[in-house]
Amino acid sequence: MPHVPADHTSEYRRATAADAAGVAGVWLASFRAALPTVRRAHTDDEVRAWLEHVVIPGRETWVAQSGDTCVGMMVLHDGWIEQLYLSPGHRGRGIGDGFVDLAKRANPAGLQLWTFQVNGPARRFYERHGFRQAELTDGSANEEREPDVRYVWLPGYGIQPN
């Protein structure tokens, strides 16, 4: 089910094993750019191996591709957006909006996700898409030991004001 997001230059499709390097590149670059103060629990090589051997073959993994380049990735599993990362140079182009729309269509009964409390841009993004804060933690349950927030979207929540 290819889908063209608002920027009209990228296409969504399911990730394949051949996408592992591109997906990892987006994940690593996005984490570094968006979360420079958050301690990563795994090395670059561990992240690459996890995405290649666990995530892509075992989860519903999507990529946004512009030409031959992966510019975004999203992982869905059991009503959760487990991962959503965009290449830093492609933020603000509608690709994330398209990923969330795709996730809502695939999970019309509702979605959940976690993001770090310190990630203000991500929190505002999800709130714009109708997600509501459901839980705050002190970070003791995640590998990074970073306080996080669980968001929930249910049909009928509507779009939250900015």
C-alpha atoms as a PDB file:
ATOM      1  CA  MET A   1       0.000   0.000   0.000  1.00  0.00           C
ATOM      2  CA  PRO A   2       2.327   2.800  -1.140  1.00  0.00           C
ATOM      3  CA  HIS A   3       1.251   6.218   0.042  1.00  0.00           C
ATOM      4  CA  VAL A   4       2.554   9.648  -0.909  1.00  0.00           C
ATOM      5  CA  PRO A   5       2.664  12.077   2.046  1.00  0.00           C
ATOM      6  CA  ALA A   6       2.083  15.804   1.909  1.00  0.00           C
ATOM      7  CA  ASP A   7       5.550  16.628   0.577  1.00  0.00           C
ATOM      8  CA  HIS A   8       4.735  14.692  -2.642  1.00  0.00           C
ATOM      9  CA  THR A   9       8.353  13.566  -3.008  1.00  0.00           C
ATOM     10  CA  SER A  10       8.394  10.616  -0.622  1.00  0.00           C
ATOM     11  CA  GLU A  11       6.594   7.303  -0.730  1.00  0.00           C
ATOM     12  CA  TYR A  12       5.639   5.001   2.145  1.00  0.00           C
ATOM     13  CA  ARG A  13       6.115   1.278   1.852  1.00  0.00           C
ATOM     14  CA  ARG A  14       6.782  -1.705   4.070  1.00  0.00           C
ATOM     15  CA  ALA A  15      10.433  -2.127   4.942  1.00  0.00           C
ATOM     16  CA  THR A  16      12.406  -5.088   3.646  1.00  0.00           C
ATOM     17  CA  ALA A  17      15.719  -6.556   4.760  1.00  0.00           C
ATOM     18  CA  ALA A  18      17.425  -4.396   2.117  1.00  0.00           C
ATOM     19  CA  ASP A  19      16.220  -1.273   4.003  1.00  0.00           C
ATOM     20  CA  ALA A  20      18.019  -2.104   7.262  1.00  0.00           C
ATOM     21  CA  ALA A  21      20.981   0.236   6.734  1.00  0.00           C
ATOM     22  CA  GLY A  22      18.748   3.146   5.717  1.00  0.00           C
ATOM     23  CA  VAL A  23      16.341   2.587   8.594  1.00  0.00           C
ATOM     24  CA  ALA A  24      19.235   2.457  11.055  1.00  0.00           C
ATOM     25  CA  GLY A  25      20.746   5.600   9.551  1.00  0.00           C
ATOM     26  CA  VAL A  26      17.488   7.503  10.048  1.00  0.00           C
ATOM     27  CA  TRP A  27      17.022   6.158  13.591  1.00  0.00           C
ATOM     28  CA  LEU A  28      20.554   7.071  14.665  1.00  0.00           C
ATOM     29  CA  ALA A  29      20.624  10.525  13.035  1.00  0.00           C
ATOM     30  CA  SER A  30      17.179  11.417  14.354  1.00  0.00           C
ATOM     31  CA  PHE A  31      17.945  10.278  17.907  1.00  0.00           C
ATOM     32  CA  ARG A  32      21.162  12.309  17.940  1.00  0.00           C
ATOM     33  CA  ALA A  33      19.459  15.430  16.584  1.00  0.00           C
ATOM     34  CA  ALA A  34      16.257  15.287  18.627  1.00  0.00           C
ATOM     35  CA  LEU A  35      17.576  13.895  21.900  1.00  0.00           C
ATOM     36  CA  PRO A  36      21.144  15.120  22.412  1.00  0.00           C
ATOM     37  CA  THR A  37      20.824  15.032  26.212  1.00  0.00           C
ATOM     38  CA  VAL A  38      19.363  11.519  26.409  1.00  0.00           C
ATOM     39  CA  ARG A  39      21.781   8.704  27.182  1.00  0.00           C
ATOM     40  CA  ARG A  40      21.543   5.954  24.586  1.00  0.00           C
ATOM     41  CA  ALA A  41      21.411   2.465  26.074  1.00  0.00           C
ATOM     42  CA  HIS A  42      22.977   0.793  23.019  1.00  0.00           C
ATOM     43  CA  THR A  43      25.864   1.404  20.643  1.00  0.00           C
ATOM     44  CA  ASP A  44      25.313   2.264  16.985  1.00  0.00           C
ATOM     45  CA  ASP A  45      26.203  -1.319  16.006  1.00  0.00           C
ATOM     46  CA  GLU A  46      23.740  -2.746  18.525  1.00  0.00           C
ATOM     47  CA  VAL A  47      20.985  -0.482  17.180  1.00  0.00           C
ATOM     48  CA  ARG A  48      21.783  -1.524  13.611  1.00  0.00           C
ATOM     49  CA  ALA A  49      21.689  -5.239  14.520  1.00  0.00           C
ATOM     50  CA  TRP A  50      18.435  -4.858  16.482  1.00  0.00           C
ATOM     51  CA  LEU A  51      16.713  -3.088  13.593  1.00  0.00           C
ATOM     52  CA  GLU A  52      18.019  -5.575  11.008  1.00  0.00           C
ATOM     53  CA  HIS A  53      17.465  -8.819  12.909  1.00  0.00           C
ATOM     54  CA  VAL A  54      14.557  -8.081  15.248  1.00  0.00           C
ATOM     55  CA  VAL A  55      12.506  -5.078  14.186  1.00  0.00           C
ATOM     56  CA  ILE A  56      12.296  -5.288  10.397  1.00  0.00           C
ATOM     57  CA  PRO A  57      11.593  -9.036  10.235  1.00  0.00           C
ATOM     58  CA  GLY A  58       9.364  -9.145  13.322  1.00  0.00           C
ATOM     59  CA  ARG A  59       7.380  -5.910  13.364  1.00  0.00           C
ATOM     60  CA  GLU A  60       5.268  -3.937  10.908  1.00  0.00           C
ATOM     61  CA  THR A  61       8.013  -1.571   9.794  1.00  0.00           C
ATOM     62  CA  TRP A  62       7.373   1.237   7.333  1.00  0.00           C
ATOM     63  CA  VAL A  63       9.786   3.512   5.510  1.00  0.00           C
ATOM     64  CA  ALA A  64       9.345   6.852   3.828  1.00  0.00           C
ATOM     65  CA  GLN A  65      11.600   6.956   0.822  1.00  0.00           C
ATOM     66  CA  SER A  66      12.626   9.925  -1.295  1.00  0.00           C
ATOM     67  CA  GLY A  67      14.297   8.713  -4.450  1.00  0.00           C
ATOM     68  CA  ASP A  68      16.674   5.989  -3.288  1.00  0.00           C
ATOM     69  CA  THR A  69      17.016   7.412   0.226  1.00  0.00           C
ATOM     70  CA  CYS A  70      15.175   6.360   3.376  1.00  0.00           C
ATOM     71  CA  VAL A  71      14.027   9.589   5.061  1.00  0.00           C
ATOM     72  CA  GLY A  72      11.724   8.180   7.744  1.00  0.00           C
ATOM     73  CA  MET A  73      10.741   5.023   9.556  1.00  0.00           C
ATOM     74  CA  MET A  74       7.827   3.871  11.687  1.00  0.00           C
ATOM     75  CA  VAL A  75       7.202   0.632  13.563  1.00  0.00           C
ATOM     76  CA  LEU A  76       3.701  -0.510  14.476  1.00  0.00           C
ATOM     77  CA  HIS A  77       2.915  -3.442  16.765  1.00  0.00           C
ATOM     78  CA  ASP A  78      -0.281  -4.447  18.544  1.00  0.00           C
ATOM     79  CA  GLY A  79      -1.816  -0.965  18.563  1.00  0.00           C
ATOM     80  CA  TRP A  80       1.428   0.821  19.436  1.00  0.00           C
ATOM     81  CA  ILE A  81       3.610   3.194  17.471  1.00  0.00           C
ATOM     82  CA  GLU A  82       6.845   1.683  18.763  1.00  0.00           C
ATOM     83  CA  GLN A  83       9.208   3.852  16.730  1.00  0.00           C
ATOM     84  CA  LEU A  84       8.767   6.932  14.549  1.00  0.00           C
ATOM     85  CA  TYR A  85      11.903   8.718  13.387  1.00  0.00           C
ATOM     86  CA  LEU A  86      12.557  11.143  10.538  1.00  0.00           C
ATOM     87  CA  SER A  87      15.803  12.161   8.959  1.00  0.00           C
ATOM     88  CA  PRO A  88      16.606  15.553  10.538  1.00  0.00           C
ATOM     89  CA  GLY A  89      16.617  17.295   7.163  1.00  0.00           C
ATOM     90  CA  HIS A  90      13.130  16.022   6.338  1.00  0.00           C
ATOM     91  CA  ARG A  91      11.223  17.150   9.416  1.00  0.00           C
ATOM     92  CA  GLY A  92       8.351  19.559   8.841  1.00  0.00           C
ATOM     93  CA  ARG A  93       7.523  18.232   5.370  1.00  0.00           C
ATOM     94  CA  GLY A  94       4.416  16.211   6.217  1.00  0.00           C
ATOM     95  CA  ILE A  95       6.141  12.830   6.366  1.00  0.00           C
ATOM     96  CA  GLY A  96       5.438  12.349  10.073  1.00  0.00           C
ATOM     97  CA  ASP A  97       1.822  13.426   9.509  1.00  0.00           C
ATOM     98  CA  GLY A  98       1.524  10.741   6.854  1.00  0.00           C
ATOM     99  CA  PHE A  99       2.996   8.106   9.149  1.00  0.00           C
ATOM    100  CA  VAL A 100       0.473   8.947  11.888  1.00  0.00           C
ATOM    101  CA  ASP A 101      -2.398   8.884   9.384  1.00  0.00           C
ATOM    102  CA  LEU A 102      -1.220   5.477   8.181  1.00  0.00           C
ATOM    103  CA  ALA A 103      -0.992   4.215  11.786  1.00  0.00           C
ATOM    104  CA  LYS A 104      -4.511   5.457  12.576  1.00  0.00           C
ATOM    105  CA  ARG A 105      -5.938   3.774   9.462  1.00  0.00           C
ATOM    106  CA  ALA A 106      -4.211   0.517  10.429  1.00  0.00           C
ATOM    107  CA  ASN A 107      -5.404   0.786  14.065  1.00  0.00           C
ATOM    108  CA  PRO A 108      -8.837   2.437  13.958  1.00  0.00           C
ATOM    109  CA  ALA A 109      -9.693   1.294  17.515  1.00  0.00           C
ATOM    110  CA  GLY A 110      -6.822   3.359  18.934  1.00  0.00           C
ATOM    111  CA  LEU A 111      -3.080   3.745  19.346  1.00  0.00           C
ATOM    112  CA  GLN A 112      -0.556   4.222  22.112  1.00  0.00           C
ATOM    113  CA  LEU A 113       3.059   5.327  22.172  1.00  0.00           C
ATOM    114  CA  TRP A 114       5.857   6.388  24.488  1.00  0.00           C
ATOM    115  CA  THR A 115       8.121   9.372  24.032  1.00  0.00           C
ATOM    116  CA  PHE A 116      10.607  11.025  26.337  1.00  0.00           C
ATOM    117  CA  GLN A 117       9.293  13.932  28.403  1.00  0.00           C
ATOM    118  CA  VAL A 118      12.247  16.052  27.272  1.00  0.00           C
ATOM    119  CA  ASN A 119      11.214  15.662  23.601  1.00  0.00           C
ATOM    120  CA  GLY A 120       8.999  18.741  23.353  1.00  0.00           C
ATOM    121  CA  PRO A 121       8.738  18.748  19.542  1.00  0.00           C
ATOM    122  CA  ALA A 122       7.539  15.117  19.499  1.00  0.00           C
ATOM    123  CA  ARG A 123       5.058  15.770  22.285  1.00  0.00           C
ATOM    124  CA  ARG A 124       3.593  18.773  20.441  1.00  0.00           C
ATOM    125  CA  PHE A 125       3.475  16.729  17.223  1.00  0.00           C
ATOM    126  CA  TYR A 126       1.497  13.881  18.804  1.00  0.00           C
ATOM    127  CA  GLU A 127      -0.813  16.268  20.657  1.00  0.00           C
ATOM    128  CA  ARG A 128      -1.580  18.015  17.338  1.00  0.00           C
ATOM    129  CA  HIS A 129      -2.623  14.610  16.031  1.00  0.00           C
ATOM    130  CA  GLY A 130      -5.126  14.055  18.826  1.00  0.00           C
ATOM    131  CA  PHE A 131      -3.002  11.986  21.205  1.00  0.00           C
ATOM    132  CA  ARG A 132      -3.604  12.628  24.893  1.00  0.00           C
ATOM    133  CA  GLN A 133      -1.156  12.223  27.711  1.00  0.00           C
ATOM    134  CA  ALA A 134      -2.096   9.127  29.734  1.00  0.00           C
ATOM    135  CA  GLU A 135       0.903   8.508  32.002  1.00  0.00           C
ATOM    136  CA  LEU A 136       4.163  10.093  33.119  1.00  0.00           C
ATOM    137  CA  THR A 137       7.050   7.997  34.447  1.00  0.00           C
ATOM    138  CA  ASP A 138      10.347   8.688  36.151  1.00  0.00           C
ATOM    139  CA  GLY A 139      12.205   6.620  33.535  1.00  0.00           C
ATOM    140  CA  SER A 140      13.028   3.729  35.843  1.00  0.00           C
ATOM    141  CA  ALA A 141      11.359   1.244  33.469  1.00  0.00           C
ATOM    142  CA  ASN A 142      13.151   2.212  30.237  1.00  0.00           C
ATOM    143  CA  GLU A 143      16.703   1.406  29.204  1.00  0.00           C
ATOM    144  CA  GLU A 144      17.742   5.036  28.901  1.00  0.00           C
ATOM    145  CA  ARG A 145      16.528   5.822  32.450  1.00  0.00           C
ATOM    146  CA  GLU A 146      14.862   8.924  31.024  1.00  0.00           C
ATOM    147  CA  PRO A 147      11.456  10.169  32.211  1.00  0.00           C
ATOM    148  CA  ASP A 148       8.878   9.406  29.569  1.00  0.00           C
ATOM    149  CA  VAL A 149       5.234   9.945  28.744  1.00  0.00           C
ATOM    150  CA  ARG A 150       2.657   7.530  27.352  1.00  0.00           C
ATOM    151  CA  TYR A 151       0.194   8.968  24.855  1.00  0.00           C
ATOM    152  CA  VAL A 152      -3.108   7.458  23.748  1.00  0.00           C
ATOM    153  CA  TRP A 153      -5.214   8.198  20.683  1.00  0.00           C
ATOM    154  CA  LEU A 154      -8.793   6.947  20.460  1.00  0.00           C
ATOM    155  CA  PRO A 155     -11.299   7.671  17.692  1.00  0.00           C
ATOM    156  CA  GLY A 156     -13.266  10.760  18.541  1.00  0.00           C
ATOM    157  CA  TYR A 157     -10.451  12.419  20.515  1.00  0.00           C
ATOM    158  CA  GLY A 158     -10.158  14.925  17.690  1.00  0.00           C
ATOM    159  CA  ILE A 159      -7.268  17.234  17.099  1.00  0.00           C
ATOM    160  CA  GLN A 160      -5.924  19.089  20.103  1.00  0.00           C
ATOM    161  CA  PRO A 161      -5.254  22.818  19.783  1.00  0.00           C
ATOM    162  CA  ASN A 162      -1.598  23.850  19.598  1.00  0.00           C
END
